[in-house]
Amino acid sequence: MVCAMHLPNLVFVYVSQALPQNVYLVNLCVAVEQFGYGFGFTAYTMFMLMVSEGEYKTVHYALSTGIMALGMMLPAMFSGWLQEQLGYQNYFLWSWPRRSRDSS
């Protein structure tokens, strides 16, 4: 599942660096992105369902869903500004997960 979530990031880095003009290649990259994030978020949802146990499982699931949404909304609020500061190509290189770069 981790690979499914990181594959779209790699695709975005490729597209930002190569700037392909082929519509079919761009469509393929978008399809990989949709599949990867969909697969990863489905796994995360199943994990939330599995963890949400006990008498108040609906409340636990609602809170964890809210935390997930907050984790997507807060970075999105600053992403446009950050992209303008770094430039299109550098933004996707900067946003690549730091852990994978620092571990080598």
PDB file of N, CA and C in Angstrom:
ATOM      1  N   MET A   1       0.820  -1.193   0.000  1.00  0.00           N
ATOM      2  CA  MET A   1       0.000   0.000   0.000  1.00  0.00           C
ATOM      3  C   MET A   1       0.871   1.266   0.000  1.00  0.00           C
ATOM      4  N   VAL A   2       1.996   1.180   0.661  1.00  0.00           N
ATOM      5  CA  VAL A   2       2.908   2.329   0.665  1.00  0.00           C
ATOM      6  C   VAL A   2       3.400   2.596  -0.751  1.00  0.00           C
ATOM      7  N   CYS A   3       3.722   1.548  -1.471  1.00  0.00           N
ATOM      8  CA  CYS A   3       4.164   1.713  -2.867  1.00  0.00           C
ATOM      9  C   CYS A   3       3.048   2.306  -3.717  1.00  0.00           C
ATOM     10  N   ALA A   4       1.816   1.887  -3.468  1.00  0.00           N
ATOM     11  CA  ALA A   4       0.678   2.421  -4.232  1.00  0.00           C
ATOM     12  C   ALA A   4       0.508   3.911  -3.980  1.00  0.00           C
ATOM     13  N   MET A   5       0.845   4.369  -2.774  1.00  0.00           N
ATOM     14  CA  MET A   5       0.727   5.790  -2.470  1.00  0.00           C
ATOM     15  C   MET A   5       1.907   6.603  -3.007  1.00  0.00           C
ATOM     16  N   HIS A   6       3.079   5.976  -3.146  1.00  0.00           N
ATOM     17  CA  HIS A   6       4.256   6.703  -3.617  1.00  0.00           C
ATOM     18  C   HIS A   6       4.408   6.689  -5.134  1.00  0.00           C
ATOM     19  N   LEU A   7       3.816   5.735  -5.799  1.00  0.00           N
ATOM     20  CA  LEU A   7       3.910   5.673  -7.259  1.00  0.00           C
ATOM     21  C   LEU A   7       3.358   6.937  -7.928  1.00  0.00           C
ATOM     22  N   PRO A   8       2.206   7.465  -7.509  1.00  0.00           N
ATOM     23  CA  PRO A   8       1.743   8.719  -8.117  1.00  0.00           C
ATOM     24  C   PRO A   8       2.702   9.883  -7.895  1.00  0.00           C
ATOM     25  N   ASN A   9       3.376   9.921  -6.747  1.00  0.00           N
ATOM     26  CA  ASN A   9       4.361  10.982  -6.523  1.00  0.00           C
ATOM     27  C   ASN A   9       5.486  10.898  -7.542  1.00  0.00           C
ATOM     28  N   LEU A  10       5.942   9.688  -7.800  1.00  0.00           N
ATOM     29  CA  LEU A  10       6.990   9.478  -8.796  1.00  0.00           C
ATOM     30  C   LEU A  10       6.511   9.882 -10.192  1.00  0.00           C
ATOM     31  N   VAL A  11       5.262   9.583 -10.492  1.00  0.00           N
ATOM     32  CA  VAL A  11       4.689   9.974 -11.787  1.00  0.00           C
ATOM     33  C   VAL A  11       4.646  11.493 -11.904  1.00  0.00           C
ATOM     34  N   PHE A  12       4.258  12.180 -10.826  1.00  0.00           N
ATOM     35  CA  PHE A  12       4.226  13.644 -10.866  1.00  0.00           C
ATOM     36  C   PHE A  12       5.614  14.230 -11.049  1.00  0.00           C
ATOM     37  N   VAL A  13       6.607  13.644 -10.422  1.00  0.00           N
ATOM     38  CA  VAL A  13       7.976  14.119 -10.613  1.00  0.00           C
ATOM     39  C   VAL A  13       8.385  13.928 -12.069  1.00  0.00           C
ATOM     40  N   TYR A  14       8.070  12.767 -12.643  1.00  0.00           N
ATOM     41  CA  TYR A  14       8.402  12.521 -14.048  1.00  0.00           C
ATOM     42  C   TYR A  14       7.723  13.545 -14.959  1.00  0.00           C
ATOM     43  N   VAL A  15       6.421  13.742 -14.771  1.00  0.00           N
ATOM     44  CA  VAL A  15       5.669  14.658 -15.640  1.00  0.00           C
ATOM     45  C   VAL A  15       6.188  16.085 -15.493  1.00  0.00           C
ATOM     46  N   SER A  16       6.519  16.493 -14.268  1.00  0.00           N
ATOM     47  CA  SER A  16       7.004  17.863 -14.072  1.00  0.00           C
ATOM     48  C   SER A  16       8.379  18.082 -14.706  1.00  0.00           C
ATOM     49  N   GLN A  17       9.191  17.036 -14.776  1.00  0.00           N
ATOM     50  CA  GLN A  17      10.523  17.185 -15.362  1.00  0.00           C
ATOM     51  C   GLN A  17      10.501  17.009 -16.882  1.00  0.00           C
ATOM     52  N   ALA A  18       9.731  16.012 -17.364  1.00  0.00           N
ATOM     53  CA  ALA A  18       9.726  15.706 -18.797  1.00  0.00           C
ATOM     54  C   ALA A  18       8.769  16.597 -19.584  1.00  0.00           C
ATOM     55  N   LEU A  19       7.727  17.108 -18.944  1.00  0.00           N
ATOM     56  CA  LEU A  19       6.684  17.913 -19.608  1.00  0.00           C
ATOM     57  C   LEU A  19       6.241  17.262 -20.922  1.00  0.00           C
ATOM     58  N   PRO A  20       5.715  16.028 -20.846  1.00  0.00           N
ATOM     59  CA  PRO A  20       5.355  15.315 -22.081  1.00  0.00           C
ATOM     60  C   PRO A  20       4.227  16.010 -22.840  1.00  0.00           C
ATOM     61  N   GLN A  21       4.302  15.958 -24.154  1.00  0.00           N
ATOM     62  CA  GLN A  21       3.272  16.545 -25.022  1.00  0.00           C
ATOM     63  C   GLN A  21       2.289  15.497 -25.531  1.00  0.00           C
ATOM     64  N   ASN A  22       2.632  14.236 -25.361  1.00  0.00           N
ATOM     65  CA  ASN A  22       1.789  13.141 -25.823  1.00  0.00           C
ATOM     66  C   ASN A  22       0.572  13.004 -24.902  1.00  0.00           C
ATOM     67  N   VAL A  23      -0.620  13.189 -25.468  1.00  0.00           N
ATOM     68  CA  VAL A  23      -1.851  13.147 -24.678  1.00  0.00           C
ATOM     69  C   VAL A  23      -2.055  11.769 -24.061  1.00  0.00           C
ATOM     70  N   TYR A  24      -1.708  10.723 -24.770  1.00  0.00           N
ATOM     71  CA  TYR A  24      -1.898   9.369 -24.248  1.00  0.00           C
ATOM     72  C   TYR A  24      -0.981   9.099 -23.051  1.00  0.00           C
ATOM     73  N   LEU A  25       0.237   9.598 -23.100  1.00  0.00           N
ATOM     74  CA  LEU A  25       1.152   9.444 -21.985  1.00  0.00           C
ATOM     75  C   LEU A  25       0.658  10.216 -20.758  1.00  0.00           C
ATOM     76  N   VAL A  26       0.160  11.414 -20.978  1.00  0.00           N
ATOM     77  CA  VAL A  26      -0.388  12.203 -19.877  1.00  0.00           C
ATOM     78  C   VAL A  26      -1.606  11.494 -19.281  1.00  0.00           C
ATOM     79  N   ASN A  27      -2.473  10.944 -20.128  1.00  0.00           N
ATOM     80  CA  ASN A  27      -3.635  10.203 -19.642  1.00  0.00           C
ATOM     81  C   ASN A  27      -3.211   8.971 -18.846  1.00  0.00           C
ATOM     82  N   LEU A  28      -2.169   8.286 -19.306  1.00  0.00           N
ATOM     83  CA  LEU A  28      -1.664   7.133 -18.577  1.00  0.00           C
ATOM     84  C   LEU A  28      -1.139   7.548 -17.204  1.00  0.00           C
ATOM     85  N   CYS A  29      -0.433   8.663 -17.150  1.00  0.00           N
ATOM     86  CA  CYS A  29       0.082   9.155 -15.873  1.00  0.00           C
ATOM     87  C   CYS A  29      -1.058   9.520 -14.921  1.00  0.00           C
ATOM     88  N   VAL A  30      -2.099  10.145 -15.429  1.00  0.00           N
ATOM     89  CA  VAL A  30      -3.257  10.481 -14.592  1.00  0.00           C
ATOM     90  C   VAL A  30      -3.956   9.209 -14.118  1.00  0.00           C
ATOM     91  N   ALA A  31      -4.047   8.201 -14.967  1.00  0.00           N
ATOM     92  CA  ALA A  31      -4.669   6.931 -14.579  1.00  0.00           C
ATOM     93  C   ALA A  31      -3.861   6.252 -13.471  1.00  0.00           C
ATOM     94  N   VAL A  32      -2.536   6.285 -13.579  1.00  0.00           N
ATOM     95  CA  VAL A  32      -1.685   5.708 -12.525  1.00  0.00           C
ATOM     96  C   VAL A  32      -1.895   6.472 -11.225  1.00  0.00           C
ATOM     97  N   GLU A  33      -1.989   7.786 -11.316  1.00  0.00           N
ATOM     98  CA  GLU A  33      -2.212   8.614 -10.123  1.00  0.00           C
ATOM     99  C   GLU A  33      -3.549   8.279  -9.471  1.00  0.00           C
ATOM    100  N   GLN A  34      -4.594   8.185 -10.254  1.00  0.00           N
ATOM    101  CA  GLN A  34      -5.916   7.876  -9.711  1.00  0.00           C
ATOM    102  C   GLN A  34      -5.954   6.487  -9.085  1.00  0.00           C
ATOM    103  N   PHE A  35      -5.344   5.513  -9.732  1.00  0.00           N
ATOM    104  CA  PHE A  35      -5.323   4.155  -9.201  1.00  0.00           C
ATOM    105  C   PHE A  35      -4.504   4.083  -7.914  1.00  0.00           C
ATOM    106  N   GLY A  36      -3.330   4.684  -7.925  1.00  0.00           N
ATOM    107  CA  GLY A  36      -2.451   4.617  -6.760  1.00  0.00           C
ATOM    108  C   GLY A  36      -3.056   5.262  -5.532  1.00  0.00           C
ATOM    109  N   TYR A  37      -3.550   6.483  -5.676  1.00  0.00           N
ATOM    110  CA  TYR A  37      -4.155   7.150  -4.527  1.00  0.00           C
ATOM    111  C   TYR A  37      -5.449   6.470  -4.105  1.00  0.00           C
ATOM    112  N   GLY A  38      -6.239   6.031  -5.060  1.00  0.00           N
ATOM    113  CA  GLY A  38      -7.476   5.320  -4.717  1.00  0.00           C
ATOM    114  C   GLY A  38      -7.198   4.048  -3.948  1.00  0.00           C
ATOM    115  N   PHE A  39      -6.201   3.303  -4.394  1.00  0.00           N
ATOM    116  CA  PHE A  39      -5.819   2.055  -3.728  1.00  0.00           C
ATOM    117  C   PHE A  39      -5.287   2.337  -2.324  1.00  0.00           C
ATOM    118  N   GLY A  40      -4.444   3.341  -2.207  1.00  0.00           N
ATOM    119  CA  GLY A  40      -3.870   3.684  -0.908  1.00  0.00           C
ATOM    120  C   GLY A  40      -4.902   4.209   0.072  1.00  0.00           C
ATOM    121  N   PHE A  41      -5.796   5.090  -0.390  1.00  0.00           N
ATOM    122  CA  PHE A  41      -6.812   5.622   0.509  1.00  0.00           C
ATOM    123  C   PHE A  41      -7.843   4.572   0.887  1.00  0.00           C
ATOM    124  N   THR A  42      -8.091   3.615   0.011  1.00  0.00           N
ATOM    125  CA  THR A  42      -8.967   2.499   0.375  1.00  0.00           C
ATOM    126  C   THR A  42      -8.341   1.682   1.491  1.00  0.00           C
ATOM    127  N   ALA A  43      -7.056   1.451   1.404  1.00  0.00           N
ATOM    128  CA  ALA A  43      -6.361   0.719   2.468  1.00  0.00           C
ATOM    129  C   ALA A  43      -6.410   1.502   3.772  1.00  0.00           C
ATOM    130  N   TYR A  44      -6.246   2.810   3.694  1.00  0.00           N
ATOM    131  CA  TYR A  44      -6.307   3.637   4.897  1.00  0.00           C
ATOM    132  C   TYR A  44      -7.702   3.614   5.503  1.00  0.00           C
ATOM    133  N   THR A  45      -8.717   3.654   4.660  1.00  0.00           N
ATOM    134  CA  THR A  45     -10.102   3.576   5.140  1.00  0.00           C
ATOM    135  C   THR A  45     -10.359   2.243   5.821  1.00  0.00           C
ATOM    136  N   MET A  46      -9.874   1.168   5.235  1.00  0.00           N
ATOM    137  CA  MET A  46     -10.044  -0.148   5.861  1.00  0.00           C
ATOM    138  C   MET A  46      -9.302  -0.215   7.200  1.00  0.00           C
ATOM    139  N   PHE A  47      -8.149   0.411   7.278  1.00  0.00           N
ATOM    140  CA  PHE A  47      -7.424   0.462   8.543  1.00  0.00           C
ATOM    141  C   PHE A  47      -8.219   1.224   9.595  1.00  0.00           C
ATOM    142  N   MET A  48      -8.819   2.356   9.184  1.00  0.00           N
ATOM    143  CA  MET A  48      -9.634   3.128  10.125  1.00  0.00           C
ATOM    144  C   MET A  48     -10.827   2.307  10.608  1.00  0.00           C
ATOM    145  N   LEU A  49     -11.453   1.562   9.714  1.00  0.00           N
ATOM    146  CA  LEU A  49     -12.570   0.713  10.121  1.00  0.00           C
ATOM    147  C   LEU A  49     -12.115  -0.368  11.089  1.00  0.00           C
ATOM    148  N   MET A  50     -10.943  -0.906  10.862  1.00  0.00           N
ATOM    149  CA  MET A  50     -10.421  -1.967  11.715  1.00  0.00           C
ATOM    150  C   MET A  50     -10.065  -1.432  13.110  1.00  0.00           C
ATOM    151  N   VAL A  51      -9.521  -0.228  13.173  1.00  0.00           N
ATOM    152  CA  VAL A  51      -9.113   0.367  14.435  1.00  0.00           C
ATOM    153  C   VAL A  51     -10.313   0.885  15.232  1.00  0.00           C
ATOM    154  N   SER A  52     -11.350   1.311  14.536  1.00  0.00           N
ATOM    155  CA  SER A  52     -12.528   1.882  15.196  1.00  0.00           C
ATOM    156  C   SER A  52     -13.376   0.776  15.796  1.00  0.00           C
ATOM    157  N   GLU A  53     -13.047   0.409  17.008  1.00  0.00           N
ATOM    158  CA  GLU A  53     -13.778  -0.648  17.699  1.00  0.00           C
ATOM    159  C   GLU A  53     -14.345  -0.108  18.999  1.00  0.00           C
ATOM    160  N   GLY A  54     -15.166  -0.888  19.629  1.00  0.00           N
ATOM    161  CA  GLY A  54     -15.720  -0.506  20.916  1.00  0.00           C
ATOM    162  C   GLY A  54     -17.106   0.091  20.783  1.00  0.00           C
ATOM    163  N   GLU A  55     -17.561   0.653  21.882  1.00  0.00           N
ATOM    164  CA  GLU A  55     -18.936   1.161  21.953  1.00  0.00           C
ATOM    165  C   GLU A  55     -19.159   2.369  21.038  1.00  0.00           C
ATOM    166  N   TYR A  56     -18.145   3.195  20.835  1.00  0.00           N
ATOM    167  CA  TYR A  56     -18.287   4.429  20.061  1.00  0.00           C
ATOM    168  C   TYR A  56     -17.519   4.354  18.747  1.00  0.00           C
ATOM    169  N   LYS A  57     -17.639   3.255  18.036  1.00  0.00           N
ATOM    170  CA  LYS A  57     -16.836   3.088  16.822  1.00  0.00           C
ATOM    171  C   LYS A  57     -17.207   4.078  15.728  1.00  0.00           C
ATOM    172  N   THR A  58     -18.457   4.506  15.675  1.00  0.00           N
ATOM    173  CA  THR A  58     -18.844   5.508  14.670  1.00  0.00           C
ATOM    174  C   THR A  58     -18.142   6.837  14.936  1.00  0.00           C
ATOM    175  N   VAL A  59     -18.043   7.214  16.195  1.00  0.00           N
ATOM    176  CA  VAL A  59     -17.349   8.456  16.554  1.00  0.00           C
ATOM    177  C   VAL A  59     -15.861   8.343  16.229  1.00  0.00           C
ATOM    178  N   HIS A  60     -15.253   7.200  16.547  1.00  0.00           N
ATOM    179  CA  HIS A  60     -13.828   7.017  16.240  1.00  0.00           C
ATOM    180  C   HIS A  60     -13.583   7.081  14.744  1.00  0.00           C
ATOM    181  N   TYR A  61     -14.467   6.465  13.968  1.00  0.00           N
ATOM    182  CA  TYR A  61     -14.303   6.501  12.512  1.00  0.00           C
ATOM    183  C   TYR A  61     -14.474   7.921  11.989  1.00  0.00           C
ATOM    184  N   ALA A  62     -15.451   8.651  12.510  1.00  0.00           N
ATOM    185  CA  ALA A  62     -15.674  10.032  12.065  1.00  0.00           C
ATOM    186  C   ALA A  62     -14.476  10.915  12.406  1.00  0.00           C
ATOM    187  N   LEU A  63     -13.923  10.746  13.591  1.00  0.00           N
ATOM    188  CA  LEU A  63     -12.745  11.539  13.969  1.00  0.00           C
ATOM    189  C   LEU A  63     -11.538  11.212  13.100  1.00  0.00           C
ATOM    190  N   SER A  64     -11.303   9.944  12.849  1.00  0.00           N
ATOM    191  CA  SER A  64     -10.153   9.579  12.017  1.00  0.00           C
ATOM    192  C   SER A  64     -10.348  10.030  10.575  1.00  0.00           C
ATOM    193  N   THR A  65     -11.583  10.017  10.090  1.00  0.00           N
ATOM    194  CA  THR A  65     -11.846  10.549   8.743  1.00  0.00           C
ATOM    195  C   THR A  65     -11.597  12.047   8.697  1.00  0.00           C
ATOM    196  N   GLY A  66     -11.987  12.751   9.752  1.00  0.00           N
ATOM    197  CA  GLY A  66     -11.725  14.188   9.829  1.00  0.00           C
ATOM    198  C   GLY A  66     -10.243  14.505   9.864  1.00  0.00           C
ATOM    199  N   ILE A  67      -9.487  13.711  10.616  1.00  0.00           N
ATOM    200  CA  ILE A  67      -8.030  13.905  10.662  1.00  0.00           C
ATOM    201  C   ILE A  67      -7.421  13.656   9.290  1.00  0.00           C
ATOM    202  N   MET A  68      -7.927  12.646   8.574  1.00  0.00           N
ATOM    203  CA  MET A  68      -7.442  12.370   7.223  1.00  0.00           C
ATOM    204  C   MET A  68      -7.730  13.559   6.310  1.00  0.00           C
ATOM    205  N   ALA A  69      -8.944  14.102   6.391  1.00  0.00           N
ATOM    206  CA  ALA A  69      -9.303  15.245   5.546  1.00  0.00           C
ATOM    207  C   ALA A  69      -8.467  16.468   5.898  1.00  0.00           C
ATOM    208  N   LEU A  70      -8.215  16.671   7.179  1.00  0.00           N
ATOM    209  CA  LEU A  70      -7.391  17.799   7.611  1.00  0.00           C
ATOM    210  C   LEU A  70      -5.965  17.658   7.096  1.00  0.00           C
ATOM    211  N   GLY A  71      -5.482  16.426   7.082  1.00  0.00           N
ATOM    212  CA  GLY A  71      -4.138  16.163   6.569  1.00  0.00           C
ATOM    213  C   GLY A  71      -3.999  16.432   5.079  1.00  0.00           C
ATOM    214  N   MET A  72      -5.121  16.460   4.367  1.00  0.00           N
ATOM    215  CA  MET A  72      -5.073  16.807   2.942  1.00  0.00           C
ATOM    216  C   MET A  72      -5.350  18.293   2.730  1.00  0.00           C
ATOM    217  N   MET A  73      -6.211  18.879   3.556  1.00  0.00           N
ATOM    218  CA  MET A  73      -6.616  20.268   3.348  1.00  0.00           C
ATOM    219  C   MET A  73      -5.547  21.272   3.764  1.00  0.00           C
ATOM    220  N   LEU A  74      -4.894  21.042   4.885  1.00  0.00           N
ATOM    221  CA  LEU A  74      -3.900  22.017   5.353  1.00  0.00           C
ATOM    222  C   LEU A  74      -2.740  22.186   4.372  1.00  0.00           C
ATOM    223  N   PRO A  75      -2.126  21.105   3.886  1.00  0.00           N
ATOM    224  CA  PRO A  75      -1.057  21.317   2.892  1.00  0.00           C
ATOM    225  C   PRO A  75      -1.583  21.926   1.587  1.00  0.00           C
ATOM    226  N   ALA A  76      -2.812  21.596   1.213  1.00  0.00           N
ATOM    227  CA  ALA A  76      -3.373  22.134  -0.032  1.00  0.00           C
ATOM    228  C   ALA A  76      -3.557  23.641   0.043  1.00  0.00           C
ATOM    229  N   MET A  77      -3.754  24.168   1.247  1.00  0.00           N
ATOM    230  CA  MET A  77      -3.947  25.609   1.402  1.00  0.00           C
ATOM    231  C   MET A  77      -2.696  26.390   1.007  1.00  0.00           C
ATOM    232  N   PHE A  78      -1.541  25.786   1.167  1.00  0.00           N
ATOM    233  CA  PHE A  78      -0.283  26.486   0.898  1.00  0.00           C
ATOM    234  C   PHE A  78       0.419  26.005  -0.372  1.00  0.00           C
ATOM    235  N   SER A  79      -0.121  24.987  -1.023  1.00  0.00           N
ATOM    236  CA  SER A  79       0.597  24.385  -2.146  1.00  0.00           C
ATOM    237  C   SER A  79       0.709  25.323  -3.347  1.00  0.00           C
ATOM    238  N   GLY A  80      -0.313  26.105  -3.632  1.00  0.00           N
ATOM    239  CA  GLY A  80      -0.243  27.037  -4.764  1.00  0.00           C
ATOM    240  C   GLY A  80       0.816  28.101  -4.560  1.00  0.00           C
ATOM    241  N   TRP A  81       0.840  28.676  -3.368  1.00  0.00           N
ATOM    242  CA  TRP A  81       1.841  29.684  -3.052  1.00  0.00           C
ATOM    243  C   TRP A  81       3.241  29.093  -3.118  1.00  0.00           C
ATOM    244  N   LEU A  82       3.396  27.885  -2.550  1.00  0.00           N
ATOM    245  CA  LEU A  82       4.705  27.238  -2.537  1.00  0.00           C
ATOM    246  C   LEU A  82       5.173  26.912  -3.955  1.00  0.00           C
ATOM    247  N   GLN A  83       4.244  26.486  -4.814  1.00  0.00           N
ATOM    248  CA  GLN A  83       4.611  26.188  -6.201  1.00  0.00           C
ATOM    249  C   GLN A  83       5.085  27.453  -6.911  1.00  0.00           C
ATOM    250  N   GLU A  84       4.442  28.580  -6.622  1.00  0.00           N
ATOM    251  CA  GLU A  84       4.884  29.835  -7.241  1.00  0.00           C
ATOM    252  C   GLU A  84       6.273  30.237  -6.754  1.00  0.00           C
ATOM    253  N   GLN A  85       6.588  29.956  -5.499  1.00  0.00           N
ATOM    254  CA  GLN A  85       7.891  30.308  -4.951  1.00  0.00           C
ATOM    255  C   GLN A  85       9.005  29.414  -5.500  1.00  0.00           C
ATOM    256  N   LEU A  86       8.735  28.113  -5.624  1.00  0.00           N
ATOM    257  CA  LEU A  86       9.764  27.158  -6.035  1.00  0.00           C
ATOM    258  C   LEU A  86       9.846  26.942  -7.539  1.00  0.00           C
ATOM    259  N   GLY A  87       8.769  27.199  -8.254  1.00  0.00           N
ATOM    260  CA  GLY A  87       8.692  26.868  -9.669  1.00  0.00           C
ATOM    261  C   GLY A  87       8.063  25.495  -9.848  1.00  0.00           C
ATOM    262  N   TYR A  88       7.468  25.281 -10.999  1.00  0.00           N
ATOM    263  CA  TYR A  88       6.694  24.052 -11.240  1.00  0.00           C
ATOM    264  C   TYR A  88       7.542  22.799 -11.090  1.00  0.00           C
ATOM    265  N   GLN A  89       8.681  22.765 -11.746  1.00  0.00           N
ATOM    266  CA  GLN A  89       9.505  21.554 -11.714  1.00  0.00           C
ATOM    267  C   GLN A  89      10.108  21.310 -10.329  1.00  0.00           C
ATOM    268  N   ASN A  90      10.592  22.351  -9.689  1.00  0.00           N
ATOM    269  CA  ASN A  90      11.207  22.192  -8.372  1.00  0.00           C
ATOM    270  C   ASN A  90      10.191  21.859  -7.292  1.00  0.00           C
ATOM    271  N   TYR A  91       8.939  22.289  -7.464  1.00  0.00           N
ATOM    272  CA  TYR A  91       7.914  21.997  -6.469  1.00  0.00           C
ATOM    273  C   TYR A  91       7.717  20.497  -6.310  1.00  0.00           C
ATOM    274  N   PHE A  92       7.643  19.768  -7.407  1.00  0.00           N
ATOM    275  CA  PHE A  92       7.414  18.324  -7.312  1.00  0.00           C
ATOM    276  C   PHE A  92       8.647  17.589  -6.799  1.00  0.00           C
ATOM    277  N   LEU A  93       9.829  18.103  -7.092  1.00  0.00           N
ATOM    278  CA  LEU A  93      11.029  17.506  -6.499  1.00  0.00           C
ATOM    279  C   LEU A  93      11.064  17.755  -4.995  1.00  0.00           C
ATOM    280  N   TRP A  94      10.688  18.959  -4.565  1.00  0.00           N
ATOM    281  CA  TRP A  94      10.676  19.298  -3.149  1.00  0.00           C
ATOM    282  C   TRP A  94       9.619  18.498  -2.395  1.00  0.00           C
ATOM    283  N   SER A  95       8.484  18.254  -3.030  1.00  0.00           N
ATOM    284  CA  SER A  95       7.391  17.570  -2.337  1.00  0.00           C
ATOM    285  C   SER A  95       7.557  16.057  -2.301  1.00  0.00           C
ATOM    286  N   TRP A  96       8.555  15.515  -2.986  1.00  0.00           N
ATOM    287  CA  TRP A  96       8.825  14.080  -2.908  1.00  0.00           C
ATOM    288  C   TRP A  96       9.140  13.749  -1.454  1.00  0.00           C
ATOM    289  N   PRO A  97       8.655  12.633  -0.943  1.00  0.00           N
ATOM    290  CA  PRO A  97       8.833  12.334   0.488  1.00  0.00           C
ATOM    291  C   PRO A  97      10.286  12.401   0.923  1.00  0.00           C
ATOM    292  N   ARG A  98      10.522  13.123   1.973  1.00  0.00           N
ATOM    293  CA  ARG A  98      11.887  13.359   2.477  1.00  0.00           C
ATOM    294  C   ARG A  98      12.532  12.072   2.997  1.00  0.00           C
ATOM    295  N   ARG A  99      11.755  11.233   3.612  1.00  0.00           N
ATOM    296  CA  ARG A  99      12.312  10.017   4.194  1.00  0.00           C
ATOM    297  C   ARG A  99      12.995   9.165   3.133  1.00  0.00           C
ATOM    298  N   SER A 100      12.385   9.060   1.958  1.00  0.00           N
ATOM    299  CA  SER A 100      12.988   8.214   0.920  1.00  0.00           C
ATOM    300  C   SER A 100      14.289   8.833   0.403  1.00  0.00           C
ATOM    301  N   ARG A 101      14.397  10.171   0.423  1.00  0.00           N
ATOM    302  CA  ARG A 101      15.632  10.805  -0.010  1.00  0.00           C
ATOM    303  C   ARG A 101      16.699  10.744   1.061  1.00  0.00           C
ATOM    304  N   ASP A 102      16.311  10.903   2.329  1.00  0.00           N
ATOM    305  CA  ASP A 102      17.279  10.952   3.411  1.00  0.00           C
ATOM    306  C   ASP A 102      17.834   9.587   3.781  1.00  0.00           C
ATOM    307  N   SER A 103      17.127   8.513   3.416  1.00  0.00           N
ATOM    308  CA  SER A 103      17.565   7.181   3.838  1.00  0.00           C
ATOM    309  C   SER A 103      18.753   6.663   3.045  1.00  0.00           C
ATOM    310  N   SER A 104      19.079   7.281   1.915  1.00  0.00           N
ATOM    311  CA  SER A 104      20.199   6.774   1.104  1.00  0.00           C
ATOM    312  C   SER A 104      21.523   7.342   1.548  1.00  0.00           C
TER     313      SER A 104
END
